[in-house]
Amino acid sequence: MSRQLLHEVRDVLRAADAIVSEREFCERWLGKSECYMRTLRFSQIEPSADALATVSNKLKYYAEQMHSKDTQHLKDLAVEFERLAPSAPISVP
C-alpha cells in the first residue's frame, strides 16, 4: 500500500508541475537516491519509514503554505497534499 501511495504522490506532484521526473521526486521529496522508486519496484519492497516521514512532512509543510495564499488553485492543491500525507505518526529510529 505504501508504494502505491508514493506513486500517487509522485503523480500529483507531476500534475502540479512541482517535479519533472521520478528522479527529482526521489531526491527532493523522499530524501533518497535517484533510483529509490525503481529499487522498490524491482525488489517489490515497501518504502522505508524515513522516506514516508520525509514526504509526509514536506506535503504537510507545503499544504500549510498554500492554504495561506489567495489563489483557489493553491488551496485546492493544499487539500490534496493533506489528503496524501500519511496521517499516522511515523517513528524513525
N, C-alpha and C. Protein backbone atom coordinates (compact mmCIF):
# COMPACT_ATOMS: atom_id res chain seq x y z
N MET A 1 0.82 -1.21 0.00
CA MET A 1 0.00 0.00 0.00
C MET A 1 0.86 1.27 0.00
N SER A 2 1.96 1.26 0.70
CA SER A 2 2.80 2.44 0.79
C SER A 2 3.43 2.79 -0.55
N ARG A 3 3.82 1.76 -1.32
CA ARG A 3 4.37 2.03 -2.65
C ARG A 3 3.33 2.72 -3.52
N GLN A 4 2.10 2.25 -3.42
CA GLN A 4 1.00 2.84 -4.19
C GLN A 4 0.81 4.31 -3.79
N LEU A 5 0.91 4.60 -2.51
CA LEU A 5 0.78 5.97 -2.02
C LEU A 5 1.88 6.85 -2.61
N LEU A 6 3.12 6.35 -2.63
CA LEU A 6 4.22 7.14 -3.20
C LEU A 6 4.00 7.40 -4.69
N HIS A 7 3.47 6.42 -5.40
CA HIS A 7 3.18 6.61 -6.82
C HIS A 7 2.11 7.69 -6.99
N GLU A 8 1.12 7.68 -6.13
CA GLU A 8 0.06 8.69 -6.21
C GLU A 8 0.61 10.08 -5.89
N VAL A 9 1.44 10.19 -4.87
CA VAL A 9 2.06 11.47 -4.52
C VAL A 9 2.89 11.97 -5.70
N ARG A 10 3.72 11.09 -6.26
CA ARG A 10 4.55 11.46 -7.41
C ARG A 10 3.69 11.99 -8.56
N ASP A 11 2.58 11.31 -8.84
CA ASP A 11 1.72 11.73 -9.95
C ASP A 11 1.05 13.07 -9.69
N VAL A 12 0.64 13.31 -8.45
CA VAL A 12 0.03 14.61 -8.11
C VAL A 12 1.06 15.72 -8.23
N LEU A 13 2.27 15.47 -7.77
CA LEU A 13 3.33 16.48 -7.87
C LEU A 13 3.67 16.77 -9.33
N ARG A 14 3.70 15.74 -10.14
CA ARG A 14 3.95 15.95 -11.57
C ARG A 14 2.85 16.78 -12.20
N ALA A 15 1.60 16.45 -11.90
CA ALA A 15 0.46 17.18 -12.46
C ALA A 15 0.48 18.65 -12.02
N ALA A 16 0.99 18.90 -10.83
CA ALA A 16 1.07 20.27 -10.30
C ALA A 16 2.33 20.99 -10.77
N ASP A 17 3.13 20.34 -11.59
CA ASP A 17 4.41 20.88 -12.06
C ASP A 17 5.38 21.18 -10.91
N ALA A 18 5.25 20.41 -9.83
CA ALA A 18 6.17 20.57 -8.70
C ALA A 18 7.44 19.74 -8.91
N ILE A 19 7.34 18.73 -9.76
CA ILE A 19 8.50 17.92 -10.14
C ILE A 19 8.43 17.65 -11.64
N VAL A 20 9.57 17.30 -12.21
CA VAL A 20 9.58 16.96 -13.63
C VAL A 20 9.96 15.50 -13.88
N SER A 21 10.45 14.82 -12.84
CA SER A 21 10.89 13.45 -13.05
C SER A 21 10.78 12.65 -11.75
N GLU A 22 10.82 11.33 -11.92
CA GLU A 22 10.83 10.46 -10.75
C GLU A 22 12.13 10.65 -9.97
N ARG A 23 13.20 10.92 -10.68
CA ARG A 23 14.48 11.18 -10.04
C ARG A 23 14.37 12.37 -9.07
N GLU A 24 13.78 13.43 -9.54
CA GLU A 24 13.60 14.62 -8.69
C GLU A 24 12.73 14.29 -7.48
N PHE A 25 11.67 13.51 -7.69
CA PHE A 25 10.80 13.09 -6.60
C PHE A 25 11.60 12.34 -5.53
N CYS A 26 12.39 11.38 -5.97
CA CYS A 26 13.18 10.58 -5.03
C CYS A 26 14.15 11.44 -4.23
N GLU A 27 14.85 12.30 -4.92
CA GLU A 27 15.89 13.09 -4.27
C GLU A 27 15.32 14.21 -3.41
N ARG A 28 14.35 14.95 -3.93
CA ARG A 28 13.87 16.14 -3.21
C ARG A 28 12.71 15.89 -2.27
N TRP A 29 11.86 14.94 -2.59
CA TRP A 29 10.67 14.71 -1.77
C TRP A 29 10.79 13.53 -0.84
N LEU A 30 11.67 12.58 -1.17
CA LEU A 30 11.86 11.42 -0.30
C LEU A 30 13.19 11.45 0.43
N GLY A 31 14.11 12.28 -0.05
CA GLY A 31 15.43 12.33 0.56
C GLY A 31 16.23 11.06 0.30
N LYS A 32 16.00 10.46 -0.86
CA LYS A 32 16.64 9.19 -1.22
C LYS A 32 17.41 9.35 -2.52
N SER A 33 18.08 8.28 -2.93
CA SER A 33 18.83 8.31 -4.18
C SER A 33 17.88 8.34 -5.37
N GLU A 34 18.42 8.70 -6.51
CA GLU A 34 17.61 8.86 -7.71
C GLU A 34 16.92 7.58 -8.15
N CYS A 35 17.43 6.43 -7.76
CA CYS A 35 16.86 5.16 -8.20
C CYS A 35 16.00 4.49 -7.13
N TYR A 36 15.61 5.21 -6.09
CA TYR A 36 14.87 4.63 -4.97
C TYR A 36 13.55 3.97 -5.41
N MET A 37 12.74 4.67 -6.18
CA MET A 37 11.45 4.13 -6.60
C MET A 37 11.66 2.91 -7.50
N ARG A 38 12.63 2.96 -8.35
CA ARG A 38 12.93 1.84 -9.23
C ARG A 38 13.33 0.62 -8.40
N THR A 39 14.11 0.85 -7.36
CA THR A 39 14.53 -0.24 -6.47
C THR A 39 13.32 -0.85 -5.76
N LEU A 40 12.40 -0.02 -5.31
CA LEU A 40 11.18 -0.53 -4.67
C LEU A 40 10.39 -1.41 -5.62
N ARG A 41 10.25 -0.94 -6.86
CA ARG A 41 9.51 -1.72 -7.86
C ARG A 41 10.20 -3.04 -8.16
N PHE A 42 11.48 -2.98 -8.41
CA PHE A 42 12.24 -4.18 -8.80
C PHE A 42 12.27 -5.21 -7.66
N SER A 43 12.51 -4.76 -6.46
CA SER A 43 12.63 -5.65 -5.31
C SER A 43 11.29 -5.99 -4.68
N GLN A 44 10.25 -5.29 -5.09
CA GLN A 44 8.90 -5.46 -4.54
C GLN A 44 8.91 -5.35 -3.01
N ILE A 45 9.53 -4.27 -2.54
CA ILE A 45 9.57 -3.99 -1.11
C ILE A 45 8.83 -2.69 -0.83
N GLU A 46 8.50 -2.49 0.41
CA GLU A 46 7.78 -1.28 0.82
C GLU A 46 8.78 -0.17 1.14
N PRO A 47 8.35 1.08 1.01
CA PRO A 47 9.24 2.21 1.32
C PRO A 47 9.64 2.22 2.80
N SER A 48 10.76 2.82 3.06
CA SER A 48 11.24 2.93 4.44
C SER A 48 10.41 3.95 5.22
N ALA A 49 10.45 3.81 6.53
CA ALA A 49 9.73 4.74 7.39
C ALA A 49 10.27 6.16 7.24
N ASP A 50 11.58 6.31 7.06
CA ASP A 50 12.12 7.66 6.93
C ASP A 50 11.71 8.31 5.62
N ALA A 51 11.56 7.54 4.54
CA ALA A 51 11.08 8.11 3.27
C ALA A 51 9.64 8.57 3.42
N LEU A 52 8.81 7.76 4.08
CA LEU A 52 7.41 8.13 4.30
C LEU A 52 7.30 9.35 5.21
N ALA A 53 8.13 9.40 6.23
CA ALA A 53 8.12 10.55 7.14
C ALA A 53 8.55 11.82 6.41
N THR A 54 9.57 11.71 5.58
CA THR A 54 10.06 12.87 4.84
C THR A 54 9.01 13.42 3.91
N VAL A 55 8.39 12.55 3.11
CA VAL A 55 7.38 13.03 2.16
C VAL A 55 6.15 13.56 2.91
N SER A 56 5.78 12.94 4.01
CA SER A 56 4.65 13.42 4.80
C SER A 56 4.91 14.82 5.34
N ASN A 57 6.09 15.02 5.90
CA ASN A 57 6.45 16.34 6.44
C ASN A 57 6.45 17.41 5.36
N LYS A 58 6.98 17.08 4.19
CA LYS A 58 7.02 18.06 3.09
C LYS A 58 5.61 18.38 2.60
N LEU A 59 4.78 17.35 2.45
CA LEU A 59 3.40 17.59 2.00
C LEU A 59 2.65 18.48 2.99
N LYS A 60 2.80 18.20 4.27
CA LYS A 60 2.12 19.00 5.30
C LYS A 60 2.64 20.44 5.31
N TYR A 61 3.96 20.59 5.19
CA TYR A 61 4.55 21.93 5.18
C TYR A 61 4.02 22.75 4.00
N TYR A 62 4.08 22.18 2.80
CA TYR A 62 3.63 22.93 1.63
C TYR A 62 2.12 23.13 1.62
N ALA A 63 1.37 22.22 2.18
CA ALA A 63 -0.08 22.41 2.30
C ALA A 63 -0.37 23.63 3.17
N GLU A 64 0.35 23.73 4.27
CA GLU A 64 0.18 24.88 5.17
C GLU A 64 0.52 26.19 4.47
N GLN A 65 1.60 26.18 3.69
CA GLN A 65 2.00 27.38 2.95
C GLN A 65 0.95 27.77 1.91
N MET A 66 0.41 26.79 1.22
CA MET A 66 -0.56 27.08 0.15
C MET A 66 -1.92 27.52 0.69
N HIS A 67 -2.28 27.05 1.88
CA HIS A 67 -3.56 27.47 2.48
C HIS A 67 -3.59 28.97 2.72
N SER A 68 -2.43 29.57 2.95
CA SER A 68 -2.39 31.00 3.26
C SER A 68 -2.44 31.88 2.01
N LYS A 69 -2.43 31.28 0.84
CA LYS A 69 -2.45 32.05 -0.41
C LYS A 69 -3.89 32.35 -0.83
N ASP A 70 -4.05 33.36 -1.68
CA ASP A 70 -5.38 33.77 -2.14
C ASP A 70 -5.87 32.98 -3.35
N THR A 71 -5.00 32.25 -3.99
CA THR A 71 -5.35 31.53 -5.21
C THR A 71 -6.11 30.24 -4.87
N GLN A 72 -7.27 30.06 -5.47
CA GLN A 72 -8.08 28.87 -5.21
C GLN A 72 -7.36 27.60 -5.65
N HIS A 73 -6.64 27.68 -6.76
CA HIS A 73 -5.90 26.51 -7.24
C HIS A 73 -4.92 26.00 -6.18
N LEU A 74 -4.22 26.92 -5.52
CA LEU A 74 -3.27 26.52 -4.48
C LEU A 74 -3.98 25.96 -3.26
N LYS A 75 -5.12 26.52 -2.92
CA LYS A 75 -5.90 25.99 -1.79
C LYS A 75 -6.39 24.58 -2.09
N ASP A 76 -6.82 24.35 -3.32
CA ASP A 76 -7.26 23.00 -3.72
C ASP A 76 -6.09 22.02 -3.67
N LEU A 77 -4.95 22.46 -4.13
CA LEU A 77 -3.77 21.62 -4.10
C LEU A 77 -3.34 21.33 -2.66
N ALA A 78 -3.51 22.30 -1.78
CA ALA A 78 -3.19 22.10 -0.37
C ALA A 78 -4.06 21.00 0.23
N VAL A 79 -5.33 20.98 -0.12
CA VAL A 79 -6.24 19.93 0.36
C VAL A 79 -5.78 18.56 -0.15
N GLU A 80 -5.36 18.51 -1.40
CA GLU A 80 -4.85 17.26 -1.98
C GLU A 80 -3.57 16.81 -1.27
N PHE A 81 -2.68 17.73 -0.97
CA PHE A 81 -1.46 17.40 -0.25
C PHE A 81 -1.78 16.84 1.14
N GLU A 82 -2.74 17.45 1.82
CA GLU A 82 -3.13 16.98 3.15
C GLU A 82 -3.73 15.58 3.07
N ARG A 83 -4.49 15.32 2.04
CA ARG A 83 -5.09 14.00 1.87
C ARG A 83 -4.00 12.93 1.67
N LEU A 84 -2.97 13.29 0.94
CA LEU A 84 -1.91 12.34 0.63
C LEU A 84 -0.91 12.12 1.76
N ALA A 85 -0.77 13.10 2.62
CA ALA A 85 0.21 12.97 3.71
C ALA A 85 -0.25 11.89 4.66
N PRO A 86 0.58 10.87 4.87
CA PRO A 86 0.20 9.82 5.83
C PRO A 86 -0.13 10.44 7.19
N SER A 87 -1.30 10.11 7.71
CA SER A 87 -1.77 10.77 8.93
C SER A 87 -1.23 10.11 10.19
N ALA A 88 -0.92 8.85 10.13
CA ALA A 88 -0.41 8.17 11.33
C ALA A 88 1.01 8.65 11.61
N PRO A 89 1.32 8.89 12.88
CA PRO A 89 2.69 9.28 13.20
C PRO A 89 3.65 8.15 12.87
N ILE A 90 4.75 8.51 12.28
CA ILE A 90 5.76 7.53 11.88
C ILE A 90 7.00 7.80 12.72
N SER A 91 7.44 6.80 13.45
CA SER A 91 8.65 6.99 14.23
C SER A 91 9.83 6.49 13.43
N VAL A 92 10.85 7.30 13.39
CA VAL A 92 12.07 6.95 12.67
C VAL A 92 13.14 6.66 13.72
N PRO A 93 13.71 5.45 13.68
CA PRO A 93 14.72 5.12 14.69
C PRO A 93 15.98 5.95 14.56
